[in-house]
Amino acid sequence: MKILHASAEYFPYIKMGGLADMLASLTKEQSKTEEVYVALPLIGKLGKSPHWTGKEFPALLPQDDKIDSLVVSVLKASRFLEAEESGLKLYFFQSDLFQTLDSIYGHKEEHFRFAMFSYACYALSQILKVDVFHAHDWHTALSLALQKDSALPIPTVFTIHNLAYQGDHPFWMTGFLKEEPFRLITSPFDHDGKCNYMKAGILSANQITTVSPGYREETLSEPNGFGLSYCLRQRTLDYSGILNGIDTEEWNPKIDKRIFQTYSFLDWKEGKLKNKRELFQEMGRPSLPLDAPLVGLIGRLTYQKGFPTFLQTFTERRHLPHRYVVLGSGDPEMEDAFFQLSETLPEVFYFYKGYNESLAHKIEAASDFFLMPSLFEPCGLNQMYSHTYGSIPIVSRVGGLRDTVEESNLLKFKTGIVFEPNDTSSLGYALERAKDLFQSQEREIVVKNIMNLDWSWKKRKLEYDLVYTKAIELKI
C-alpha cells in the first residue's frame, strides 16, 4: 500500500508538539511493510538537514498550470524536494511562503500559507498515485476537500490531534478558495461566521481518527468538541480513536545516548540515581538532595496543559519534599511565574525556558515522577515515555491520559497516580500520594511493571490499517 501523509510537523525536522513525534514514529513502523511518503513544509530553520535525493516534483497539477491567478503563480514558483529518511520518502514543499520562517506556527497569513500547502499536498498525492492520503490537523484539511471534489479522488483519512486549534478565518480572507484552482464551495465550512478548515476536513474525509479512544468520546460533546461536536456526531461511524504509540528506539533507557547513564528495569535505582546526580550538576544545582522525589514537567506552557492549577497547588503544598524541574515555553505569564520560582526557590525549583530534546530525555531519566496536569489532553506521549523510563506519571483524568494511566485498588498494579483536572485539592492529594509511594516498597513493584509496558506502534499500526481499508472500501 502506498500512503502519503501531509503534516505541518515531523520530527526531527519541524517539531512544536506531539504531532511531530507521533507521525515520525507511526511512519517508521508503517515503512516496514508499506510504501510511505510524507509531505511537509520547508521552513528556513529545520531541526535537521535532510538527505536530498536530487528529485523534484511540481506543486501544481498539469490541468491547472495554464490558469491565470495569484494562487497558480505562487504554486508555479513552488515545488517539492525529495529526501530520504529511514526507509521512507519525504517531500519538502519549497515555497517563499515558508522558507523565510524559523518556526512553523504563529505567523500572519496562515490561512493562505496552509491553503497553498494543502493544494500542493493534494497535487502530490495525485502525481504519486498513492492508495491512501492521510492528512493531519487543520493545516492540511483543505487537501481533503480538494480530494473529495476531484475527478479521481483518492481515499482519505483525517487525524485530529487537537480540536482546540481549528484554523478558522473570516470569509473575506478566504475568497480565493472559490477561485481556480481550488474551485471549492466553502459555505459548508462555515462555523460561527468563519471559514473553518478543521470542519472542512471533518466533512470531507472518508475516515476520521483522533489520537485516543478517551479523547474521541470527549470530542463528541461540548465543551471538548470546541463547537464542532455536532459535526463529529454526524460522522460517528467513520470516527475512530486510536491511541498513539512511541518510538521505542528513540525513547528507550537501555540504549538512549542522550542520558547520562543507560539502565533497565533490573538496575533502575542505580540508573536513576546517576542520572539525577548528573542532571543536578548540569542544572548548576549540585546541592539538591538525591533522596527527595524529583518531579519532571515538560510541555507547552498553555492553559490547556493545566500549569496554573499546578502553580496554585505548589503554593498550597509547599511542605512536600518534592523538587521540580520544568522544561517548556509558551504563555509569557506562565514563563514569568516559573522563572520567579526558579530564582527565588533554587533549592526546590528549576526552570528551562524553551525546548531542548536532549534535556527532555535527561529529565525523563532522572525524574522519579512526571506530572501532567492537563485540562484536556488528546493523547499525550510523555506519560508513555515516563513509563518506559520508570518515572511514575501523575496525570489528570482526561483524554489519552486516562486511557494509559490507571490507579485503583482493584488493579493488580497501578500505572501511575490520577487526579481530577483543574482541581487543586485533587492534585495536592495526588502529590501527597506520590510522597508516600516514593517512601514505600510498592514503588519498586510499580516501577518494574510500568517499565515493561508495551507502548510500541505494532498494535496501533494494525488499527490504522483497518481504517485505511475502510477508507478505500467506503469512499464518500
Protein backbone atom coordinates (compact mmCIF):
# COMPACT_ATOMS: atom_id res chain seq x y z
CA MET A 1 0.00 0.00 0.00
CA LYS A 2 1.22 3.48 -0.91
CA ILE A 3 0.44 6.02 1.82
CA LEU A 4 1.04 9.78 1.70
CA HIS A 5 0.92 11.71 5.00
CA ALA A 6 0.55 15.50 4.93
CA SER A 7 1.56 17.41 8.04
CA ALA A 8 2.92 20.73 9.31
CA GLU A 9 5.27 18.88 11.71
CA TYR A 10 7.59 15.90 11.54
CA PHE A 11 10.38 15.02 13.95
CA PRO A 12 13.26 15.89 13.84
CA TYR A 13 12.77 18.48 11.07
CA ILE A 14 9.85 20.52 12.44
CA LYS A 15 8.64 19.98 16.00
CA MET A 16 6.28 22.03 18.13
CA GLY A 17 4.37 19.29 19.91
CA GLY A 18 3.29 15.67 19.97
CA LEU A 19 2.22 15.63 16.31
CA ALA A 20 5.85 15.64 15.19
CA ASP A 21 6.79 12.66 17.37
CA MET A 22 3.60 10.74 16.67
CA LEU A 23 3.88 10.97 12.89
CA ALA A 24 7.60 10.20 12.80
CA SER A 25 7.15 7.05 14.88
CA LEU A 26 3.97 5.92 13.07
CA THR A 27 5.53 6.25 9.63
CA LYS A 28 8.67 4.50 10.83
CA GLU A 29 6.55 1.48 11.77
CA GLN A 30 4.43 1.68 8.61
CA SER A 31 7.50 1.80 6.36
CA LYS A 32 8.45 -1.71 7.50
CA THR A 33 5.59 -3.13 5.40
CA GLU A 34 4.21 -0.27 3.29
CA GLU A 35 5.45 2.35 0.85
CA VAL A 36 5.26 5.56 2.90
CA TYR A 37 5.63 9.20 1.86
CA VAL A 38 5.43 12.35 3.99
CA ALA A 39 4.77 15.88 2.72
CA LEU A 40 5.78 18.80 4.93
CA PRO A 41 6.74 22.47 4.55
CA LEU A 42 10.33 23.52 4.01
CA ILE A 43 10.87 26.26 6.59
CA GLY A 44 14.05 28.29 6.90
CA LYS A 45 15.17 26.66 10.13
CA LEU A 46 14.91 22.88 10.18
CA GLY A 47 15.90 20.76 13.14
CA LYS A 48 17.96 18.51 10.88
CA SER A 49 19.40 18.72 7.37
CA PRO A 50 17.50 16.38 5.01
CA HIS A 51 19.22 13.74 2.87
CA TRP A 52 18.21 15.08 -0.53
CA THR A 53 17.81 12.66 -3.44
CA GLY A 54 18.00 15.39 -6.08
CA LYS A 55 14.47 14.66 -7.36
CA GLU A 56 11.84 17.39 -7.63
CA PHE A 57 8.08 17.28 -8.11
CA PRO A 58 5.64 20.02 -9.14
CA ALA A 59 3.23 21.58 -6.63
CA LEU A 60 0.60 22.15 -9.32
CA LEU A 61 -1.41 19.68 -11.39
CA PRO A 62 -0.92 19.91 -15.18
CA GLN A 63 -4.59 20.78 -15.81
CA ASP A 64 -4.25 23.84 -13.56
CA ASP A 65 -0.98 25.08 -15.00
CA LYS A 66 -2.48 27.46 -17.57
CA ILE A 67 -4.83 29.25 -15.18
CA ASP A 68 -4.04 32.93 -14.71
CA SER A 69 -4.36 33.67 -10.98
CA LEU A 70 -2.28 34.68 -7.97
CA VAL A 71 -2.67 31.22 -6.44
CA VAL A 72 -1.41 29.48 -9.58
CA SER A 73 1.55 31.84 -9.85
CA VAL A 74 2.52 31.02 -6.25
CA LEU A 75 2.23 27.28 -6.87
CA LYS A 76 4.13 27.50 -10.16
CA ALA A 77 7.02 29.08 -8.28
CA SER A 78 6.92 26.30 -5.68
CA ARG A 79 7.96 22.65 -5.80
CA PHE A 80 8.55 19.55 -3.71
CA LEU A 81 12.12 18.46 -2.98
CA GLU A 82 12.51 14.76 -2.26
CA ALA A 83 14.56 13.43 0.66
CA GLU A 84 15.03 10.03 2.26
CA GLU A 85 14.71 9.16 5.94
CA SER A 86 14.84 5.68 7.49
CA GLY A 87 13.30 3.83 4.57
CA LEU A 88 10.66 6.38 3.61
CA LYS A 89 10.43 9.37 1.29
CA LEU A 90 9.97 12.95 2.50
CA TYR A 91 8.67 15.70 0.22
CA PHE A 92 9.50 19.20 1.38
CA PHE A 93 7.27 21.94 -0.02
CA GLN A 94 9.72 24.62 -1.15
CA SER A 95 7.97 27.98 -1.38
CA ASP A 96 8.64 31.59 -0.48
CA LEU A 97 5.61 31.29 1.79
CA PHE A 98 7.57 29.08 4.20
CA GLN A 99 11.26 29.50 3.52
CA THR A 100 11.53 32.76 5.46
CA LEU A 101 10.05 31.19 8.62
CA ASP A 102 12.17 29.99 11.54
CA SER A 103 9.17 28.25 13.14
CA ILE A 104 6.02 26.76 11.66
CA TYR A 105 3.23 28.49 13.63
CA GLY A 106 2.27 31.93 14.85
CA HIS A 107 2.76 33.97 11.67
CA LYS A 108 0.49 36.22 9.64
CA GLU A 109 -1.33 34.92 6.56
CA GLU A 110 -1.57 31.35 7.89
CA HIS A 111 -4.93 30.97 6.15
CA PHE A 112 -3.25 31.48 2.77
CA ARG A 113 0.03 29.73 3.57
CA PHE A 114 -1.55 26.46 4.69
CA ALA A 115 -4.16 26.58 1.94
CA MET A 116 -1.33 26.63 -0.62
CA PHE A 117 0.38 23.80 1.19
CA SER A 118 -2.88 21.82 1.23
CA TYR A 119 -3.36 22.21 -2.53
CA ALA A 120 0.26 21.18 -3.12
CA CYS A 121 -0.19 18.04 -0.97
CA TYR A 122 -3.36 17.17 -2.87
CA ALA A 123 -1.49 17.60 -6.16
CA LEU A 124 1.39 15.45 -4.92
CA SER A 125 -0.98 12.65 -3.95
CA GLN A 126 -2.37 12.65 -7.48
CA ILE A 127 1.09 12.75 -9.06
CA LEU A 128 2.39 9.90 -6.88
CA LYS A 129 -0.85 7.93 -7.39
CA VAL A 130 -0.99 6.82 -3.77
CA ASP A 131 -3.58 4.39 -2.39
CA VAL A 132 -4.40 6.43 0.73
CA PHE A 133 -3.97 10.11 1.52
CA HIS A 134 -3.67 10.83 5.27
CA ALA A 135 -3.89 14.46 6.40
CA HIS A 136 -3.16 15.73 9.92
CA ASP A 137 -4.92 18.63 11.68
CA TRP A 138 -6.35 21.81 10.17
CA HIS A 139 -3.15 22.83 8.39
CA THR A 140 -3.72 20.17 5.70
CA ALA A 141 -7.50 19.76 5.97
CA LEU A 142 -8.34 21.62 2.75
CA SER A 143 -6.49 18.95 0.80
CA LEU A 144 -9.29 16.56 1.81
CA ALA A 145 -11.95 18.89 0.38
CA LEU A 146 -9.95 19.09 -2.85
CA GLN A 147 -9.63 15.32 -2.91
CA LYS A 148 -13.37 14.85 -2.42
CA ASP A 149 -14.17 17.17 -5.35
CA SER A 150 -11.53 15.63 -7.61
CA ALA A 151 -12.43 13.72 -10.76
CA LEU A 152 -10.19 10.93 -9.46
CA PRO A 153 -10.48 11.08 -5.67
CA ILE A 154 -8.01 9.14 -3.56
CA PRO A 155 -9.31 7.51 -0.33
CA THR A 156 -8.66 9.88 2.56
CA VAL A 157 -8.08 9.75 6.32
CA PHE A 158 -8.07 12.81 8.57
CA THR A 159 -6.46 12.70 12.02
CA ILE A 160 -7.45 15.29 14.63
CA HIS A 161 -4.55 15.86 17.01
CA ASN A 162 -6.05 18.78 18.90
CA LEU A 163 -9.55 20.09 18.24
CA ALA A 164 -8.82 23.32 20.09
CA TYR A 165 -6.91 24.59 17.05
CA GLN A 166 -9.21 24.75 14.03
CA GLY A 167 -7.84 27.22 11.52
CA ASP A 168 -10.95 29.39 11.37
CA HIS A 169 -10.65 32.60 9.33
CA PRO A 170 -13.07 35.34 8.21
CA PHE A 171 -14.67 34.52 4.87
CA TRP A 172 -13.40 37.76 3.36
CA MET A 173 -9.88 36.40 3.82
CA THR A 174 -10.62 33.06 2.14
CA GLY A 175 -12.42 34.14 -1.02
CA PHE A 176 -9.57 32.70 -3.09
CA LEU A 177 -10.81 29.19 -2.20
CA LYS A 178 -13.79 29.69 -4.54
CA GLU A 179 -11.50 30.52 -7.45
CA GLU A 180 -9.18 28.47 -9.64
CA PRO A 181 -7.50 26.10 -8.93
CA PHE A 182 -9.39 25.39 -5.67
CA ARG A 183 -12.95 25.75 -7.00
CA LEU A 184 -14.37 24.91 -3.55
CA ILE A 185 -17.88 25.60 -2.29
CA THR A 186 -16.94 26.96 1.12
CA SER A 187 -20.39 27.54 2.66
CA PRO A 188 -20.39 24.07 4.35
CA PHE A 189 -17.20 25.07 6.16
CA ASP A 190 -19.00 27.93 7.91
CA HIS A 191 -18.66 27.85 11.68
CA ASP A 192 -19.61 30.91 13.72
CA GLY A 193 -19.39 33.03 10.59
CA LYS A 194 -15.87 31.95 9.68
CA CYS A 195 -14.35 29.55 7.20
CA ASN A 196 -13.23 26.67 9.40
CA TYR A 197 -10.50 24.48 7.89
CA MET A 198 -10.90 21.78 10.57
CA LYS A 199 -14.59 21.48 9.74
CA ALA A 200 -13.67 21.11 6.06
CA GLY A 201 -11.53 18.12 6.96
CA ILE A 202 -14.23 16.54 9.12
CA LEU A 203 -16.87 16.88 6.40
CA SER A 204 -14.61 15.76 3.54
CA ALA A 205 -12.54 12.80 4.79
CA ASN A 206 -13.61 9.23 4.12
CA GLN A 207 -12.43 8.25 7.60
CA ILE A 208 -11.62 10.37 10.67
CA THR A 209 -9.39 9.40 13.57
CA THR A 210 -8.16 11.03 16.71
CA VAL A 211 -5.30 10.05 18.94
CA SER A 212 -7.01 8.16 21.78
CA PRO A 213 -10.35 6.48 22.48
CA GLY A 214 -10.89 8.72 25.50
CA TYR A 215 -10.42 11.91 23.52
CA ARG A 216 -12.77 10.66 20.81
CA GLU A 217 -15.54 10.30 23.38
CA GLU A 218 -14.81 13.74 24.85
CA THR A 219 -14.96 15.49 21.47
CA LEU A 220 -18.46 14.17 20.76
CA SER A 221 -19.89 16.67 23.25
CA GLU A 222 -19.15 20.18 24.44
CA PRO A 223 -17.02 21.82 25.68
CA ASN A 224 -14.33 19.43 24.42
CA GLY A 225 -15.82 19.49 20.92
CA PHE A 226 -14.91 23.19 20.73
CA GLY A 227 -18.08 23.87 18.77
CA LEU A 228 -17.63 21.00 16.28
CA SER A 229 -19.04 18.11 18.30
CA TYR A 230 -22.23 18.16 16.19
CA CYS A 231 -20.13 17.57 13.05
CA LEU A 232 -18.30 14.67 14.66
CA ARG A 233 -21.56 13.12 15.88
CA GLN A 234 -22.74 13.10 12.26
CA ARG A 235 -19.64 11.04 11.40
CA THR A 236 -19.52 8.69 14.42
CA LEU A 237 -19.48 5.54 12.28
CA ASP A 238 -16.44 6.90 10.43
CA TYR A 239 -14.70 8.28 13.54
CA SER A 240 -12.12 6.17 15.41
CA GLY A 241 -9.97 6.78 18.45
CA ILE A 242 -6.56 5.16 18.02
CA LEU A 243 -4.10 5.56 20.85
CA ASN A 244 -0.70 6.91 19.87
CA GLY A 245 2.39 4.78 20.26
CA ILE A 246 6.00 5.79 20.86
CA ASP A 247 9.28 5.21 19.08
CA THR A 248 10.87 2.57 21.29
CA GLU A 249 14.25 3.11 19.70
CA GLU A 250 14.22 6.88 20.24
CA TRP A 251 12.80 6.60 23.77
CA ASN A 252 14.49 3.65 25.45
CA PRO A 253 16.61 3.98 28.63
CA LYS A 254 18.56 0.85 27.71
CA ILE A 255 20.10 2.47 24.61
CA ASP A 256 19.43 6.22 24.96
CA LYS A 257 22.63 8.09 24.09
CA ARG A 258 21.23 11.41 25.35
CA ILE A 259 21.05 10.39 29.01
CA PHE A 260 23.97 10.24 31.43
CA GLN A 261 23.69 6.51 32.12
CA THR A 262 21.58 3.83 30.46
CA TYR A 263 19.59 1.42 32.59
CA SER A 264 16.78 -1.17 32.53
CA PHE A 265 14.15 -2.39 34.98
CA LEU A 266 16.87 -4.58 36.50
CA ASP A 267 19.07 -1.67 37.63
CA TRP A 268 16.68 1.29 37.52
CA LYS A 269 17.55 2.53 41.02
CA GLU A 270 21.24 2.94 40.23
CA GLY A 271 20.45 4.36 36.79
CA LYS A 272 18.05 6.99 38.07
CA LEU A 273 20.37 7.99 40.90
CA LYS A 274 23.26 8.54 38.47
CA ASN A 275 21.06 10.48 36.03
CA LYS A 276 19.62 12.61 38.84
CA ARG A 277 23.07 13.47 40.20
CA GLU A 278 24.41 14.42 36.77
CA LEU A 279 21.30 16.41 35.87
CA PHE A 280 21.65 18.46 39.06
CA GLN A 281 25.26 19.18 38.10
CA GLU A 282 24.24 20.27 34.59
CA MET A 283 21.50 22.48 36.05
CA GLY A 284 24.03 24.16 38.33
CA ARG A 285 22.24 22.82 41.39
CA PRO A 286 24.65 20.12 42.67
CA SER A 287 23.47 20.53 46.28
CA LEU A 288 19.90 19.40 45.57
CA PRO A 289 19.09 16.31 47.66
CA LEU A 290 19.22 12.98 45.82
CA ASP A 291 16.88 11.34 48.32
CA ALA A 292 13.98 13.73 47.66
CA PRO A 293 11.36 12.92 44.98
CA LEU A 294 12.15 14.67 41.69
CA VAL A 295 9.09 15.66 39.64
CA GLY A 296 9.57 16.46 35.94
CA LEU A 297 7.27 18.65 33.82
CA ILE A 298 7.76 19.13 30.07
CA GLY A 299 5.42 20.84 27.63
CA ARG A 300 3.94 23.96 26.14
CA LEU A 301 3.10 26.44 28.88
CA THR A 302 -0.51 26.94 27.85
CA TYR A 303 -3.89 26.96 29.56
CA GLN A 304 -4.63 23.52 28.11
CA LYS A 305 -1.71 21.96 29.96
CA GLY A 306 -3.08 22.98 33.37
CA PHE A 307 0.01 24.78 34.65
CA PRO A 308 -1.99 27.44 36.57
CA THR A 309 -3.54 24.56 38.55
CA PHE A 310 -0.08 23.24 39.31
CA LEU A 311 1.29 26.62 40.40
CA GLN A 312 -1.56 27.15 42.85
CA THR A 313 -1.18 23.60 44.18
CA PHE A 314 2.57 24.07 44.57
CA THR A 315 1.93 27.11 46.77
CA GLU A 316 -0.59 25.20 48.87
CA ARG A 317 1.66 22.12 49.29
CA ARG A 318 4.99 23.76 50.00
CA HIS A 319 5.54 21.36 52.89
CA LEU A 320 6.08 18.45 50.47
CA PRO A 321 9.70 17.31 49.93
CA HIS A 322 9.39 17.26 46.12
CA ARG A 323 11.85 19.03 43.84
CA TYR A 324 10.68 20.16 40.41
CA VAL A 325 12.36 20.58 37.03
CA VAL A 326 10.34 22.26 34.28
CA LEU A 327 11.15 22.43 30.56
CA GLY A 328 8.89 24.47 28.29
CA SER A 329 7.78 27.79 26.86
CA GLY A 330 4.55 29.47 25.90
CA ASP A 331 2.34 31.90 27.77
CA PRO A 332 4.53 34.83 29.00
CA GLU A 333 2.76 34.94 32.37
CA MET A 334 3.44 31.25 32.91
CA GLU A 335 7.06 31.69 31.88
CA ASP A 336 7.45 34.58 34.33
CA ALA A 337 5.87 32.58 37.16
CA PHE A 338 8.22 29.63 36.60
CA PHE A 339 11.20 31.92 36.23
CA GLN A 340 10.40 33.61 39.55
CA LEU A 341 10.15 30.25 41.32
CA SER A 342 13.44 29.14 39.80
CA GLU A 343 15.14 32.33 41.01
CA THR A 344 13.59 32.61 44.47
CA LEU A 345 13.48 28.89 45.36
CA PRO A 346 16.56 27.41 43.65
CA GLU A 347 16.70 24.66 46.26
CA VAL A 348 13.27 23.43 45.12
CA PHE A 349 12.61 24.57 41.56
CA TYR A 350 14.47 24.68 38.23
CA PHE A 351 13.03 26.15 35.01
CA TYR A 352 14.49 25.92 31.50
CA LYS A 353 12.71 28.19 29.03
CA GLY A 354 12.40 26.76 25.53
CA TYR A 355 12.67 23.24 24.23
CA ASN A 356 15.71 21.02 24.30
CA GLU A 357 15.37 17.42 23.07
CA SER A 358 18.41 16.14 24.94
CA LEU A 359 17.30 17.78 28.17
CA ALA A 360 13.84 16.23 27.77
CA HIS A 361 15.43 12.77 27.71
CA LYS A 362 17.61 13.60 30.73
CA ILE A 363 14.60 14.80 32.72
CA GLU A 364 12.70 11.60 31.98
CA ALA A 365 15.70 9.50 33.03
CA ALA A 366 16.32 11.43 36.25
CA SER A 367 12.75 12.04 37.44
CA ASP A 368 11.04 9.85 39.99
CA PHE A 369 7.64 11.20 38.94
CA PHE A 370 6.37 13.02 35.86
CA LEU A 371 3.49 15.49 36.22
CA MET A 372 0.90 16.22 33.50
CA PRO A 373 -1.87 18.46 34.95
CA SER A 374 -3.69 18.92 31.61
CA LEU A 375 -7.23 20.29 31.46
CA PHE A 376 -7.66 18.23 28.28
CA GLU A 377 -5.15 16.00 26.53
CA PRO A 378 -5.89 14.33 23.17
CA CYS A 379 -3.32 11.62 23.86
CA GLY A 380 -0.11 12.71 25.49
CA LEU A 381 3.20 10.96 24.89
CA ASN A 382 5.22 11.93 27.95
CA GLN A 383 3.26 9.61 30.23
CA MET A 384 4.30 6.73 27.93
CA TYR A 385 7.91 7.94 27.84
CA SER A 386 7.75 8.13 31.63
CA HIS A 387 6.55 4.55 31.93
CA THR A 388 9.44 3.42 29.76
CA TYR A 389 11.97 5.36 31.89
CA GLY A 390 10.48 4.26 35.21
CA SER A 391 9.20 7.75 36.05
CA ILE A 392 5.78 7.26 37.64
CA PRO A 393 3.23 9.53 35.87
CA ILE A 394 0.97 11.84 37.87
CA VAL A 395 -1.80 12.78 35.44
CA SER A 396 -5.24 14.34 35.26
CA ARG A 397 -8.13 12.07 34.32
CA VAL A 398 -8.66 13.31 30.75
CA GLY A 399 -8.36 12.06 27.16
CA GLY A 400 -5.46 9.80 26.40
CA LEU A 401 -4.09 10.17 29.93
CA ARG A 402 -6.99 8.20 31.39
CA ASP A 403 -6.52 5.61 28.64
CA THR A 404 -2.88 5.00 29.58
CA VAL A 405 -2.55 5.65 33.33
CA GLU A 406 -4.64 3.80 35.91
CA GLU A 407 -4.78 3.94 39.68
CA SER A 408 -7.22 1.70 41.50
CA ASN A 409 -7.25 -0.75 44.39
CA LEU A 410 -8.97 -3.19 42.04
CA LEU A 411 -5.95 -3.35 39.73
CA LYS A 412 -3.15 -5.88 40.08
CA PHE A 413 -0.78 -2.91 39.95
CA LYS A 414 -1.15 0.80 39.34
CA THR A 415 0.48 2.50 36.35
CA GLY A 416 0.58 5.95 37.90
CA ILE A 417 -1.28 8.44 40.05
CA VAL A 418 -4.51 10.02 38.75
CA PHE A 419 -6.33 13.19 39.84
CA GLU A 420 -9.24 15.29 38.63
CA PRO A 421 -8.46 18.09 36.15
CA ASN A 422 -8.44 21.74 37.25
CA ASP A 423 -8.78 20.69 40.90
CA THR A 424 -6.03 21.87 43.25
CA SER A 425 -7.25 19.70 46.10
CA SER A 426 -7.20 16.58 43.93
CA LEU A 427 -3.76 17.41 42.55
CA GLY A 428 -2.49 18.19 46.04
CA TYR A 429 -3.68 14.83 47.30
CA ALA A 430 -2.01 13.16 44.29
CA LEU A 431 1.30 14.79 45.23
CA GLU A 432 0.82 13.57 48.80
CA ARG A 433 0.30 10.02 47.48
CA ALA A 434 3.45 10.41 45.40
CA LYS A 435 5.41 11.23 48.56
CA ASP A 436 4.07 8.13 50.28
CA LEU A 437 4.73 5.94 47.23
CA PHE A 438 8.29 7.22 46.95
CA GLN A 439 8.98 6.11 50.50
CA SER A 440 7.27 2.71 50.22
CA GLN A 441 8.31 -0.72 48.99
CA GLU A 442 5.43 -0.61 46.50
CA ARG A 443 7.39 1.85 44.37
CA GLU A 444 9.76 -0.89 43.23
CA ILE A 445 6.85 -3.05 42.07
CA VAL A 446 5.21 -0.16 40.23
CA VAL A 447 8.43 0.96 38.50
CA LYS A 448 9.35 -2.51 37.29
CA ASN A 449 5.83 -3.09 35.98
CA ILE A 450 5.49 0.20 34.12
CA MET A 451 8.93 -0.21 32.53
CA ASN A 452 7.66 -3.43 30.95
CA LEU A 453 4.52 -1.91 29.41
CA ASP A 454 4.40 -2.05 25.61
CA TRP A 455 3.61 1.34 24.04
CA SER A 456 5.13 0.48 20.66
CA TRP A 457 3.36 1.13 17.36
CA LYS A 458 2.88 -2.53 16.37
CA LYS A 459 -0.71 -2.83 17.54
CA ARG A 460 -1.68 0.74 16.61
CA LYS A 461 -0.29 0.31 13.11
CA LEU A 462 -2.75 -2.56 12.58
CA GLU A 463 -5.61 -0.32 13.74
CA TYR A 464 -4.62 2.29 11.13
CA ASP A 465 -4.51 -0.48 8.51
CA LEU A 466 -8.17 -1.20 9.26
CA VAL A 467 -9.06 2.48 8.95
CA TYR A 468 -7.26 2.66 5.59
CA THR A 469 -9.18 -0.39 4.39
CA LYS A 470 -12.48 1.27 5.39
CA ALA A 471 -11.48 4.47 3.58
CA ILE A 472 -10.77 2.51 0.41
CA GLU A 473 -14.00 0.49 0.62
CA LEU A 474 -16.30 3.31 1.73
CA LYS A 475 -15.22 6.36 -0.28
CA ILE A 476 -17.65 9.23 0.14
